[in-house]
Amino acid sequence: MQIVENAGAESSGSQILHPGSRKLFCHWEALRAERPCPTREEFSLADIRDIVPDLVILERDHIRKSFRYRLAGSNVCELMKSNLTGTDVLAGWENFERDVISKHLIQTVSNLQPTLFRARLTTDTRQQVAAEFIGLPIRMRGSERLEIIGGMFPFRPALAIGHNAIVSRELLAIRSVWTEYKNVTTGIPVPTERRFKVIHGGLSA
C-alpha cells in the first residue's frame, strides 16, 4: 500500500475537493483572520447549517494516545452506521494508517494546521464509497485547550448507499493544509513552505 502524504505549499485549500469540506474550511478561514485559529464560541452553526449533520468535534485522548469524538453529526453516524460520540476516532484503521492519521491530527492541535485526508470505505454490500475528511483547530475561549472541528463528507449521500455497516476502510491520501498566520510576538508571517513526500508502508490486500 502506498499513501500519498502531501505537505506542499500550494495555496490554502487548493487540494480540497468536496464542496462541504471547502465550505467548512472557508468559514474557518474567515473567522480566524490573521490568527492561527478561531475560538469554538465564534462558530455560528447557522452560517453553515446545511453541513452541520456532517460535522464532528474531536478531542485528544492522552490516556489512550488517540483522539475521540466529542460530538458526531447525524450524517457521519449514518455513514459509519454507528453512534460515534465518545468513541475512538482511530478505531477500525490498520496500524500503519492509524499512526499516519494520528500524526497529522496531533500536528493540527500542535502546529495549528488543518488536516485533510481521503479514504475508501467498503460496505457490507461490497460497495466502495469515497469520502473526504477535513479537521480544523479551534481554541476554547479563555483557555489554551484545543479541539478539532471537522467534517466527514462522502462523495455519495449516506442515505443513498443502502448499507448496514462499514467493514473496512483504506486511507488514500493525507496532507496538511498549510495556512499562513502572523507570529503573535513578532507579527511576522509564519513560513509555509513544505516538501512533497510519499509514505511507504502497510500491507496490500
N, C-alpha and C. Protein backbone atom coordinates (compact mmCIF):
# COMPACT_ATOMS: atom_id res chain seq x y z
N MET A 1 0.85 -1.19 0.00
CA MET A 1 0.00 0.00 0.00
C MET A 1 0.88 1.23 0.00
N GLN A 2 0.49 2.24 -0.75
CA GLN A 2 1.22 3.48 -0.82
C GLN A 2 0.26 4.61 -0.50
N ILE A 3 0.59 5.39 0.53
CA ILE A 3 -0.24 6.51 0.92
C ILE A 3 0.49 7.79 0.53
N VAL A 4 -0.18 8.64 -0.21
CA VAL A 4 0.42 9.90 -0.60
C VAL A 4 0.23 10.90 0.53
N GLU A 5 1.36 11.41 1.02
CA GLU A 5 1.31 12.48 2.02
C GLU A 5 1.87 13.72 1.38
N ASN A 6 1.05 14.72 1.21
CA ASN A 6 1.46 15.94 0.56
C ASN A 6 1.39 17.08 1.55
N ALA A 7 2.53 17.60 1.92
CA ALA A 7 2.58 18.77 2.81
C ALA A 7 3.17 19.94 2.05
N GLY A 8 2.73 20.09 0.81
CA GLY A 8 3.29 21.12 -0.05
C GLY A 8 2.78 22.50 0.30
N ALA A 9 3.28 23.49 -0.42
CA ALA A 9 2.97 24.87 -0.13
C ALA A 9 1.97 25.45 -1.13
N GLU A 10 1.03 24.61 -1.61
CA GLU A 10 0.00 25.12 -2.51
C GLU A 10 -0.84 26.14 -1.77
N SER A 11 -1.57 26.96 -2.54
CA SER A 11 -2.43 27.95 -1.91
C SER A 11 -3.42 27.26 -1.00
N SER A 12 -3.79 27.97 0.07
CA SER A 12 -4.64 27.39 1.10
C SER A 12 -5.91 26.78 0.49
N GLY A 13 -6.15 25.51 0.81
CA GLY A 13 -7.38 24.86 0.40
C GLY A 13 -7.42 24.40 -1.04
N SER A 14 -6.31 24.54 -1.78
CA SER A 14 -6.34 24.21 -3.21
C SER A 14 -6.56 22.73 -3.46
N GLN A 15 -6.29 21.87 -2.48
CA GLN A 15 -6.44 20.43 -2.66
C GLN A 15 -7.78 19.90 -2.11
N ILE A 16 -8.62 20.78 -1.59
CA ILE A 16 -9.90 20.35 -1.02
C ILE A 16 -10.89 20.11 -2.16
N LEU A 17 -11.47 18.91 -2.22
CA LEU A 17 -12.33 18.54 -3.33
C LEU A 17 -13.82 18.68 -3.04
N HIS A 18 -14.26 18.23 -1.88
CA HIS A 18 -15.70 18.18 -1.61
C HIS A 18 -16.22 19.58 -1.27
N PRO A 19 -17.38 19.97 -1.84
CA PRO A 19 -17.95 21.29 -1.53
C PRO A 19 -18.19 21.51 -0.04
N GLY A 20 -18.57 20.45 0.69
CA GLY A 20 -18.78 20.58 2.12
C GLY A 20 -17.49 20.89 2.86
N SER A 21 -16.41 20.22 2.48
CA SER A 21 -15.11 20.50 3.09
C SER A 21 -14.67 21.93 2.80
N ARG A 22 -14.88 22.35 1.57
CA ARG A 22 -14.49 23.71 1.19
C ARG A 22 -15.29 24.75 1.97
N LYS A 23 -16.58 24.49 2.15
CA LYS A 23 -17.42 25.45 2.88
C LYS A 23 -16.96 25.57 4.33
N LEU A 24 -16.67 24.44 4.97
CA LEU A 24 -16.20 24.48 6.36
C LEU A 24 -14.85 25.18 6.46
N PHE A 25 -13.95 24.87 5.53
CA PHE A 25 -12.63 25.49 5.54
C PHE A 25 -12.73 27.00 5.35
N CYS A 26 -13.54 27.44 4.40
CA CYS A 26 -13.68 28.88 4.13
C CYS A 26 -14.29 29.60 5.33
N HIS A 27 -15.24 28.95 6.01
CA HIS A 27 -15.85 29.55 7.21
C HIS A 27 -14.79 29.69 8.31
N TRP A 28 -14.00 28.66 8.50
CA TRP A 28 -12.91 28.69 9.49
C TRP A 28 -11.90 29.78 9.15
N GLU A 29 -11.51 29.88 7.88
CA GLU A 29 -10.56 30.89 7.44
C GLU A 29 -11.07 32.30 7.70
N ALA A 30 -12.36 32.54 7.40
CA ALA A 30 -12.94 33.87 7.59
C ALA A 30 -12.96 34.25 9.07
N LEU A 31 -13.22 33.27 9.94
CA LEU A 31 -13.30 33.56 11.37
C LEU A 31 -11.93 33.82 11.98
N ARG A 32 -10.92 33.10 11.52
CA ARG A 32 -9.61 33.22 12.17
C ARG A 32 -8.88 34.48 11.75
N ALA A 33 -9.16 35.01 10.55
CA ALA A 33 -8.47 36.19 10.02
C ALA A 33 -6.96 35.93 10.02
N GLU A 34 -6.17 36.73 10.76
CA GLU A 34 -4.71 36.54 10.77
C GLU A 34 -4.24 35.75 11.98
N ARG A 35 -5.19 35.22 12.76
CA ARG A 35 -4.83 34.41 13.92
C ARG A 35 -4.56 32.97 13.48
N PRO A 36 -3.90 32.17 14.32
CA PRO A 36 -3.69 30.76 13.99
C PRO A 36 -5.00 29.99 13.85
N CYS A 37 -5.99 30.30 14.71
CA CYS A 37 -7.27 29.61 14.63
C CYS A 37 -8.31 30.41 15.38
N PRO A 38 -9.59 30.20 15.08
CA PRO A 38 -10.66 30.89 15.81
C PRO A 38 -10.99 30.16 17.11
N THR A 39 -11.88 30.74 17.90
CA THR A 39 -12.37 30.06 19.09
C THR A 39 -13.63 29.28 18.74
N ARG A 40 -13.91 28.27 19.55
CA ARG A 40 -15.10 27.47 19.33
C ARG A 40 -16.36 28.31 19.45
N GLU A 41 -16.34 29.29 20.34
CA GLU A 41 -17.52 30.12 20.57
C GLU A 41 -17.84 31.02 19.38
N GLU A 42 -16.86 31.26 18.52
CA GLU A 42 -17.09 32.12 17.35
C GLU A 42 -17.87 31.40 16.25
N PHE A 43 -17.86 30.09 16.27
CA PHE A 43 -18.53 29.35 15.21
C PHE A 43 -20.04 29.54 15.31
N SER A 44 -20.63 30.04 14.24
CA SER A 44 -22.08 30.16 14.16
C SER A 44 -22.59 29.05 13.25
N LEU A 45 -23.21 28.05 13.85
CA LEU A 45 -23.69 26.93 13.04
C LEU A 45 -24.79 27.36 12.08
N ALA A 46 -25.44 28.46 12.39
CA ALA A 46 -26.48 28.95 11.48
C ALA A 46 -25.90 29.33 10.12
N ASP A 47 -24.63 29.74 10.11
CA ASP A 47 -24.00 30.15 8.85
C ASP A 47 -23.61 28.96 7.98
N ILE A 48 -23.53 27.77 8.59
CA ILE A 48 -23.16 26.57 7.84
C ILE A 48 -24.18 25.45 8.13
N ARG A 49 -25.44 25.84 8.27
CA ARG A 49 -26.47 24.90 8.74
C ARG A 49 -26.61 23.69 7.83
N ASP A 50 -26.35 23.86 6.53
CA ASP A 50 -26.56 22.75 5.60
C ASP A 50 -25.52 21.64 5.77
N ILE A 51 -24.39 21.92 6.42
CA ILE A 51 -23.38 20.86 6.62
C ILE A 51 -23.26 20.45 8.08
N VAL A 52 -24.07 21.02 8.96
CA VAL A 52 -23.99 20.67 10.38
C VAL A 52 -24.11 19.16 10.62
N PRO A 53 -25.00 18.42 9.93
CA PRO A 53 -25.07 16.96 10.17
C PRO A 53 -23.79 16.21 9.78
N ASP A 54 -22.91 16.86 9.01
CA ASP A 54 -21.66 16.22 8.57
C ASP A 54 -20.47 16.56 9.46
N LEU A 55 -20.73 17.33 10.51
CA LEU A 55 -19.62 17.84 11.33
C LEU A 55 -19.31 16.93 12.51
N VAL A 56 -18.06 17.02 12.96
CA VAL A 56 -17.61 16.32 14.17
C VAL A 56 -16.75 17.28 14.98
N ILE A 57 -16.66 17.02 16.27
CA ILE A 57 -15.69 17.69 17.13
C ILE A 57 -14.84 16.61 17.77
N LEU A 58 -13.54 16.73 17.60
CA LEU A 58 -12.60 15.73 18.12
C LEU A 58 -11.80 16.34 19.26
N GLU A 59 -11.49 15.54 20.25
CA GLU A 59 -10.61 15.98 21.32
C GLU A 59 -9.54 14.92 21.55
N ARG A 60 -8.39 15.38 22.00
CA ARG A 60 -7.27 14.47 22.19
C ARG A 60 -7.48 13.63 23.45
N ASP A 61 -7.23 12.34 23.33
CA ASP A 61 -7.33 11.41 24.45
C ASP A 61 -5.91 11.02 24.83
N HIS A 62 -5.34 11.72 25.80
CA HIS A 62 -3.95 11.49 26.16
C HIS A 62 -3.73 10.13 26.81
N ILE A 63 -4.74 9.64 27.52
CA ILE A 63 -4.59 8.35 28.20
C ILE A 63 -4.44 7.22 27.18
N ARG A 64 -5.29 7.24 26.14
CA ARG A 64 -5.24 6.19 25.12
C ARG A 64 -4.34 6.55 23.95
N LYS A 65 -3.71 7.73 24.02
CA LYS A 65 -2.84 8.21 22.94
C LYS A 65 -3.57 8.19 21.61
N SER A 66 -4.75 8.78 21.63
CA SER A 66 -5.60 8.79 20.45
C SER A 66 -6.44 10.06 20.46
N PHE A 67 -7.49 10.06 19.66
CA PHE A 67 -8.48 11.12 19.65
C PHE A 67 -9.85 10.46 19.77
N ARG A 68 -10.79 11.19 20.34
CA ARG A 68 -12.14 10.65 20.43
C ARG A 68 -13.14 11.68 19.91
N TYR A 69 -14.30 11.15 19.49
CA TYR A 69 -15.36 12.02 19.02
C TYR A 69 -16.06 12.64 20.24
N ARG A 70 -15.92 13.94 20.39
CA ARG A 70 -16.69 14.62 21.42
C ARG A 70 -18.14 14.76 20.98
N LEU A 71 -18.31 15.04 19.69
CA LEU A 71 -19.63 15.11 19.07
C LEU A 71 -19.51 14.58 17.64
N ALA A 72 -20.56 13.95 17.15
CA ALA A 72 -20.58 13.48 15.76
C ALA A 72 -21.97 13.71 15.19
N GLY A 73 -22.01 14.35 14.02
CA GLY A 73 -23.28 14.68 13.38
C GLY A 73 -24.02 13.46 12.87
N SER A 74 -25.30 13.65 12.61
CA SER A 74 -26.16 12.53 12.22
C SER A 74 -25.75 11.90 10.90
N ASN A 75 -25.28 12.70 9.94
CA ASN A 75 -24.86 12.13 8.66
C ASN A 75 -23.59 11.29 8.80
N VAL A 76 -22.70 11.71 9.68
CA VAL A 76 -21.47 10.95 9.90
C VAL A 76 -21.81 9.61 10.55
N CYS A 77 -22.70 9.64 11.54
CA CYS A 77 -23.11 8.40 12.20
C CYS A 77 -23.85 7.49 11.23
N GLU A 78 -24.65 8.08 10.34
CA GLU A 78 -25.37 7.29 9.34
C GLU A 78 -24.38 6.64 8.37
N LEU A 79 -23.37 7.38 7.96
CA LEU A 79 -22.37 6.83 7.05
C LEU A 79 -21.65 5.65 7.68
N MET A 80 -21.25 5.80 8.94
CA MET A 80 -20.48 4.76 9.62
C MET A 80 -21.38 3.72 10.28
N LYS A 81 -22.70 3.96 10.27
CA LYS A 81 -23.69 3.06 10.87
C LYS A 81 -23.37 2.78 12.34
N SER A 82 -23.05 3.87 13.05
CA SER A 82 -22.70 3.74 14.46
C SER A 82 -22.83 5.10 15.12
N ASN A 83 -23.23 5.10 16.39
CA ASN A 83 -23.21 6.33 17.17
C ASN A 83 -21.76 6.57 17.61
N LEU A 84 -21.11 7.53 17.00
CA LEU A 84 -19.68 7.71 17.18
C LEU A 84 -19.32 8.55 18.40
N THR A 85 -20.24 9.30 18.94
CA THR A 85 -19.93 10.19 20.06
C THR A 85 -19.30 9.41 21.22
N GLY A 86 -18.13 9.87 21.63
CA GLY A 86 -17.41 9.22 22.73
C GLY A 86 -16.49 8.09 22.31
N THR A 87 -16.48 7.73 21.03
CA THR A 87 -15.67 6.60 20.58
C THR A 87 -14.31 7.06 20.04
N ASP A 88 -13.43 6.10 19.82
CA ASP A 88 -12.07 6.35 19.34
C ASP A 88 -12.10 6.69 17.85
N VAL A 89 -11.57 7.84 17.49
CA VAL A 89 -11.53 8.27 16.10
C VAL A 89 -10.72 7.30 15.24
N LEU A 90 -9.69 6.70 15.81
CA LEU A 90 -8.77 5.86 15.04
C LEU A 90 -9.15 4.39 15.02
N ALA A 91 -10.24 4.03 15.70
CA ALA A 91 -10.68 2.63 15.71
C ALA A 91 -11.06 2.20 14.29
N GLY A 92 -10.67 0.97 13.95
CA GLY A 92 -11.04 0.41 12.65
C GLY A 92 -10.01 0.59 11.56
N TRP A 93 -8.98 1.42 11.82
CA TRP A 93 -7.91 1.60 10.83
C TRP A 93 -6.79 0.59 11.08
N GLU A 94 -6.12 0.20 10.01
CA GLU A 94 -4.92 -0.61 10.15
C GLU A 94 -3.86 0.19 10.92
N ASN A 95 -2.95 -0.50 11.57
CA ASN A 95 -1.98 0.16 12.44
C ASN A 95 -1.19 1.26 11.74
N PHE A 96 -0.73 0.99 10.52
CA PHE A 96 0.07 1.97 9.80
C PHE A 96 -0.76 3.21 9.50
N GLU A 97 -1.99 3.01 9.02
CA GLU A 97 -2.86 4.13 8.70
C GLU A 97 -3.24 4.90 9.96
N ARG A 98 -3.47 4.16 11.02
CA ARG A 98 -3.79 4.78 12.31
C ARG A 98 -2.66 5.73 12.75
N ASP A 99 -1.42 5.27 12.60
CA ASP A 99 -0.28 6.09 13.00
C ASP A 99 -0.16 7.35 12.15
N VAL A 100 -0.40 7.20 10.86
CA VAL A 100 -0.29 8.36 9.95
C VAL A 100 -1.37 9.39 10.27
N ILE A 101 -2.61 8.93 10.45
CA ILE A 101 -3.70 9.86 10.77
C ILE A 101 -3.45 10.53 12.12
N SER A 102 -3.02 9.73 13.09
CA SER A 102 -2.74 10.28 14.42
C SER A 102 -1.67 11.37 14.35
N LYS A 103 -0.63 11.13 13.58
CA LYS A 103 0.46 12.11 13.44
C LYS A 103 -0.08 13.43 12.90
N HIS A 104 -0.96 13.36 11.92
CA HIS A 104 -1.49 14.58 11.33
C HIS A 104 -2.46 15.29 12.27
N LEU A 105 -3.28 14.54 12.99
CA LEU A 105 -4.20 15.18 13.93
C LEU A 105 -3.43 15.85 15.08
N ILE A 106 -2.35 15.21 15.52
CA ILE A 106 -1.51 15.82 16.55
C ILE A 106 -0.91 17.12 16.01
N GLN A 107 -0.51 17.11 14.76
CA GLN A 107 0.03 18.31 14.14
C GLN A 107 -1.02 19.41 14.07
N THR A 108 -2.28 19.03 13.87
CA THR A 108 -3.36 20.02 13.81
C THR A 108 -3.48 20.78 15.12
N VAL A 109 -3.40 20.07 16.25
CA VAL A 109 -3.53 20.75 17.55
C VAL A 109 -2.21 21.29 18.06
N SER A 110 -1.09 20.83 17.51
CA SER A 110 0.22 21.32 17.95
C SER A 110 0.70 22.50 17.12
N ASN A 111 0.58 22.38 15.80
CA ASN A 111 1.07 23.41 14.89
C ASN A 111 -0.05 24.27 14.32
N LEU A 112 -1.30 23.95 14.70
CA LEU A 112 -2.47 24.74 14.29
C LEU A 112 -2.63 24.78 12.77
N GLN A 113 -2.40 23.62 12.14
CA GLN A 113 -2.58 23.49 10.70
C GLN A 113 -3.63 22.43 10.41
N PRO A 114 -4.58 22.72 9.52
CA PRO A 114 -5.64 21.75 9.20
C PRO A 114 -5.10 20.45 8.60
N THR A 115 -5.86 19.39 8.80
CA THR A 115 -5.58 18.08 8.21
C THR A 115 -6.66 17.75 7.19
N LEU A 116 -6.24 17.21 6.06
CA LEU A 116 -7.17 16.79 5.02
C LEU A 116 -6.79 15.38 4.59
N PHE A 117 -7.77 14.47 4.59
CA PHE A 117 -7.47 13.15 4.02
C PHE A 117 -8.68 12.60 3.28
N ARG A 118 -8.39 11.70 2.37
CA ARG A 118 -9.44 10.98 1.63
C ARG A 118 -9.27 9.49 1.87
N ALA A 119 -10.41 8.81 1.93
CA ALA A 119 -10.43 7.38 2.25
C ALA A 119 -11.43 6.67 1.36
N ARG A 120 -11.22 5.37 1.22
CA ARG A 120 -12.18 4.50 0.53
C ARG A 120 -12.81 3.59 1.58
N LEU A 121 -14.12 3.69 1.73
CA LEU A 121 -14.86 2.86 2.68
C LEU A 121 -15.55 1.73 1.93
N THR A 122 -15.48 0.54 2.49
CA THR A 122 -16.15 -0.62 1.90
C THR A 122 -17.29 -1.04 2.80
N THR A 123 -18.47 -1.23 2.21
CA THR A 123 -19.66 -1.57 2.99
C THR A 123 -19.88 -3.07 3.04
N ASP A 124 -20.86 -3.48 3.85
CA ASP A 124 -21.21 -4.89 3.94
C ASP A 124 -21.84 -5.41 2.66
N THR A 125 -22.26 -4.51 1.78
CA THR A 125 -22.82 -4.92 0.49
C THR A 125 -21.77 -4.80 -0.63
N ARG A 126 -20.49 -4.68 -0.22
CA ARG A 126 -19.34 -4.63 -1.13
C ARG A 126 -19.32 -3.37 -2.00
N GLN A 127 -20.02 -2.35 -1.58
CA GLN A 127 -19.91 -1.07 -2.27
C GLN A 127 -18.70 -0.32 -1.72
N GLN A 128 -18.08 0.45 -2.58
CA GLN A 128 -16.96 1.29 -2.17
C GLN A 128 -17.37 2.75 -2.26
N VAL A 129 -17.14 3.47 -1.18
CA VAL A 129 -17.57 4.86 -1.07
C VAL A 129 -16.36 5.72 -0.75
N ALA A 130 -16.09 6.70 -1.59
CA ALA A 130 -15.01 7.64 -1.32
C ALA A 130 -15.52 8.74 -0.40
N ALA A 131 -14.68 9.16 0.55
CA ALA A 131 -15.06 10.22 1.48
C ALA A 131 -13.86 11.09 1.76
N GLU A 132 -14.15 12.34 2.08
CA GLU A 132 -13.10 13.30 2.40
C GLU A 132 -13.32 13.82 3.82
N PHE A 133 -12.23 13.87 4.59
CA PHE A 133 -12.27 14.40 5.95
C PHE A 133 -11.40 15.64 6.03
N ILE A 134 -11.92 16.67 6.68
CA ILE A 134 -11.10 17.83 6.98
C ILE A 134 -11.22 18.12 8.47
N GLY A 135 -10.07 18.40 9.11
CA GLY A 135 -10.04 18.73 10.52
C GLY A 135 -9.35 20.06 10.75
N LEU A 136 -9.98 20.95 11.51
CA LEU A 136 -9.50 22.32 11.69
C LEU A 136 -9.35 22.64 13.18
N PRO A 137 -8.24 23.25 13.58
CA PRO A 137 -8.06 23.54 15.01
C PRO A 137 -8.95 24.68 15.47
N ILE A 138 -9.50 24.55 16.68
CA ILE A 138 -10.25 25.63 17.33
C ILE A 138 -9.82 25.69 18.79
N ARG A 139 -9.84 26.88 19.35
CA ARG A 139 -9.42 27.08 20.72
C ARG A 139 -10.63 27.41 21.60
N MET A 140 -10.62 26.88 22.80
CA MET A 140 -11.65 27.23 23.76
C MET A 140 -11.36 28.62 24.29
N ARG A 141 -12.37 29.48 24.30
CA ARG A 141 -12.16 30.87 24.71
C ARG A 141 -11.63 30.94 26.15
N GLY A 142 -10.60 31.78 26.34
CA GLY A 142 -10.03 31.95 27.66
C GLY A 142 -9.21 30.76 28.13
N SER A 143 -8.83 29.89 27.20
CA SER A 143 -8.11 28.66 27.56
C SER A 143 -7.10 28.34 26.47
N GLU A 144 -6.10 27.54 26.85
CA GLU A 144 -5.14 27.04 25.87
C GLU A 144 -5.60 25.71 25.28
N ARG A 145 -6.74 25.22 25.73
CA ARG A 145 -7.24 23.93 25.26
C ARG A 145 -7.67 24.02 23.80
N LEU A 146 -7.24 23.04 23.02
CA LEU A 146 -7.56 22.99 21.59
C LEU A 146 -8.39 21.76 21.27
N GLU A 147 -9.33 21.92 20.37
CA GLU A 147 -10.10 20.81 19.82
C GLU A 147 -10.00 20.89 18.31
N ILE A 148 -10.57 19.90 17.66
CA ILE A 148 -10.62 19.89 16.20
C ILE A 148 -12.08 19.86 15.78
N ILE A 149 -12.48 20.85 14.99
CA ILE A 149 -13.79 20.78 14.36
C ILE A 149 -13.56 20.27 12.94
N GLY A 150 -14.31 19.28 12.56
CA GLY A 150 -14.07 18.66 11.27
C GLY A 150 -15.36 18.24 10.60
N GLY A 151 -15.19 17.68 9.43
CA GLY A 151 -16.32 17.17 8.68
C GLY A 151 -15.92 15.92 7.92
N MET A 152 -16.84 14.96 7.85
CA MET A 152 -16.64 13.76 7.04
C MET A 152 -17.68 13.81 5.93
N PHE A 153 -17.19 13.93 4.70
CA PHE A 153 -18.07 14.17 3.57
C PHE A 153 -17.92 13.07 2.52
N PRO A 154 -18.87 12.13 2.44
CA PRO A 154 -18.82 11.12 1.38
C PRO A 154 -19.19 11.75 0.04
N PHE A 155 -18.67 11.18 -1.02
CA PHE A 155 -18.98 11.71 -2.35
C PHE A 155 -20.30 11.13 -2.89
N ARG A 156 -20.94 10.29 -2.05
CA ARG A 156 -22.31 9.84 -2.30
C ARG A 156 -23.07 10.01 -0.99
N PRO A 157 -24.33 10.49 -1.03
CA PRO A 157 -25.10 10.66 0.21
C PRO A 157 -25.22 9.35 0.98
N ALA A 158 -25.00 9.40 2.28
CA ALA A 158 -25.02 8.18 3.10
C ALA A 158 -26.35 7.43 2.98
N LEU A 159 -27.44 8.17 2.94
CA LEU A 159 -28.75 7.53 2.89
C LEU A 159 -28.99 6.81 1.57
N ALA A 160 -28.24 7.14 0.53
CA ALA A 160 -28.42 6.53 -0.78
C ALA A 160 -27.60 5.26 -0.95
N ILE A 161 -26.73 4.96 0.02
CA ILE A 161 -25.83 3.81 -0.14
C ILE A 161 -26.54 2.50 0.14
N GLY A 162 -27.45 2.50 1.12
CA GLY A 162 -28.22 1.30 1.43
C GLY A 162 -27.41 0.21 2.10
N HIS A 163 -26.54 0.58 3.03
CA HIS A 163 -25.68 -0.40 3.69
C HIS A 163 -26.04 -0.51 5.16
N ASN A 164 -25.51 -1.54 5.79
CA ASN A 164 -25.74 -1.75 7.21
C ASN A 164 -24.48 -1.59 8.05
N ALA A 165 -23.34 -1.58 7.40
CA ALA A 165 -22.08 -1.46 8.15
C ALA A 165 -20.95 -1.08 7.20
N ILE A 166 -19.92 -0.44 7.77
CA ILE A 166 -18.64 -0.25 7.08
C ILE A 166 -17.73 -1.37 7.56
N VAL A 167 -17.28 -2.22 6.63
CA VAL A 167 -16.49 -3.38 7.03
C VAL A 167 -14.98 -3.16 6.90
N SER A 168 -14.58 -2.17 6.12
CA SER A 168 -13.16 -1.86 6.03
C SER A 168 -12.99 -0.44 5.51
N ARG A 169 -11.81 0.10 5.74
CA ARG A 169 -11.51 1.45 5.27
C ARG A 169 -10.05 1.50 4.84
N GLU A 170 -9.79 2.32 3.84
CA GLU A 170 -8.43 2.44 3.29
C GLU A 170 -8.10 3.92 3.13
N LEU A 171 -6.98 4.31 3.68
CA LEU A 171 -6.51 5.69 3.55
C LEU A 171 -5.85 5.86 2.18
N LEU A 172 -6.34 6.82 1.41
CA LEU A 172 -5.80 7.03 0.07
C LEU A 172 -4.77 8.15 0.01
N ALA A 173 -5.03 9.23 0.70
CA ALA A 173 -4.12 10.38 0.68
C ALA A 173 -4.36 11.22 1.91
N ILE A 174 -3.31 11.87 2.38
CA ILE A 174 -3.42 12.71 3.57
C ILE A 174 -2.43 13.85 3.45
N ARG A 175 -2.80 15.00 3.93
CA ARG A 175 -1.92 16.17 3.84
C ARG A 175 -2.30 17.18 4.91
N SER A 176 -1.36 18.05 5.20
CA SER A 176 -1.65 19.24 5.99
C SER A 176 -1.96 20.38 5.04
N VAL A 177 -2.98 21.16 5.36
CA VAL A 177 -3.30 22.35 4.59
C VAL A 177 -2.57 23.50 5.27
N TRP A 178 -1.43 23.86 4.73
CA TRP A 178 -0.57 24.84 5.41
C TRP A 178 -1.12 26.24 5.21
N THR A 179 -1.56 26.84 6.31
CA THR A 179 -2.13 28.18 6.28
C THR A 179 -1.17 29.16 6.94
N GLU A 180 -1.15 30.37 6.43
CA GLU A 180 -0.24 31.38 6.96
C GLU A 180 -0.92 32.19 8.04
N TYR A 181 -0.21 32.46 9.10
CA TYR A 181 -0.71 33.36 10.13
C TYR A 181 0.48 34.10 10.74
N LYS A 182 0.19 35.20 11.39
CA LYS A 182 1.27 36.02 11.94
C LYS A 182 1.72 35.50 13.29
N ASN A 183 3.03 35.49 13.50
CA ASN A 183 3.59 35.15 14.80
C ASN A 183 3.07 36.16 15.82
N VAL A 184 2.52 35.64 16.92
CA VAL A 184 1.87 36.52 17.88
C VAL A 184 2.86 37.47 18.57
N THR A 185 4.14 37.15 18.55
CA THR A 185 5.10 38.01 19.24
C THR A 185 5.80 38.97 18.28
N THR A 186 6.04 38.54 17.05
CA THR A 186 6.78 39.38 16.11
C THR A 186 5.89 40.04 15.06
N GLY A 187 4.71 39.46 14.81
CA GLY A 187 3.85 39.98 13.76
C GLY A 187 4.29 39.57 12.38
N ILE A 188 5.33 38.72 12.30
CA ILE A 188 5.87 38.28 11.01
C ILE A 188 5.13 37.02 10.57
N PRO A 189 4.69 36.94 9.29
CA PRO A 189 4.01 35.73 8.83
C PRO A 189 4.87 34.49 9.01
N VAL A 190 4.26 33.41 9.45
CA VAL A 190 4.96 32.15 9.61
C VAL A 190 5.15 31.52 8.23
N PRO A 191 6.37 31.09 7.86
CA PRO A 191 6.59 30.50 6.53
C PRO A 191 5.82 29.20 6.38
N THR A 192 5.39 28.91 5.15
CA THR A 192 4.55 27.75 4.92
C THR A 192 5.14 26.73 3.97
N GLU A 193 6.37 26.93 3.52
CA GLU A 193 6.92 26.01 2.53
C GLU A 193 7.19 24.64 3.14
N ARG A 194 6.68 23.61 2.50
CA ARG A 194 6.92 22.23 2.91
C ARG A 194 7.18 21.38 1.67
N ARG A 195 7.70 20.19 1.85
CA ARG A 195 8.04 19.31 0.74
C ARG A 195 6.95 18.27 0.53
N PHE A 196 6.91 17.76 -0.67
CA PHE A 196 6.03 16.64 -1.01
C PHE A 196 6.77 15.34 -0.73
N LYS A 197 6.08 14.39 -0.15
CA LYS A 197 6.71 13.08 0.05
C LYS A 197 5.66 11.98 0.02
N VAL A 198 6.10 10.77 -0.29
CA VAL A 198 5.24 9.60 -0.31
C VAL A 198 5.66 8.68 0.83
N ILE A 199 4.70 8.22 1.61
CA ILE A 199 4.98 7.31 2.71
C ILE A 199 4.74 5.89 2.22
N HIS A 200 5.73 5.02 2.37
CA HIS A 200 5.58 3.62 2.02
C HIS A 200 5.33 2.82 3.29
N GLY A 201 4.42 1.86 3.20
CA GLY A 201 4.18 1.04 4.38
C GLY A 201 2.84 0.35 4.30
N GLY A 202 2.55 -0.47 5.31
CA GLY A 202 1.28 -1.18 5.33
C GLY A 202 1.32 -2.41 4.45
N LEU A 203 0.20 -3.07 4.37
CA LEU A 203 0.09 -4.29 3.60
C LEU A 203 -0.98 -4.14 2.54
N SER A 204 -0.74 -4.68 1.38
CA SER A 204 -1.74 -4.70 0.33
C SER A 204 -2.65 -5.90 0.53
N ALA A 205 -3.93 -5.72 0.18
CA ALA A 205 -4.89 -6.81 0.33
C ALA A 205 -4.63 -7.87 -0.74
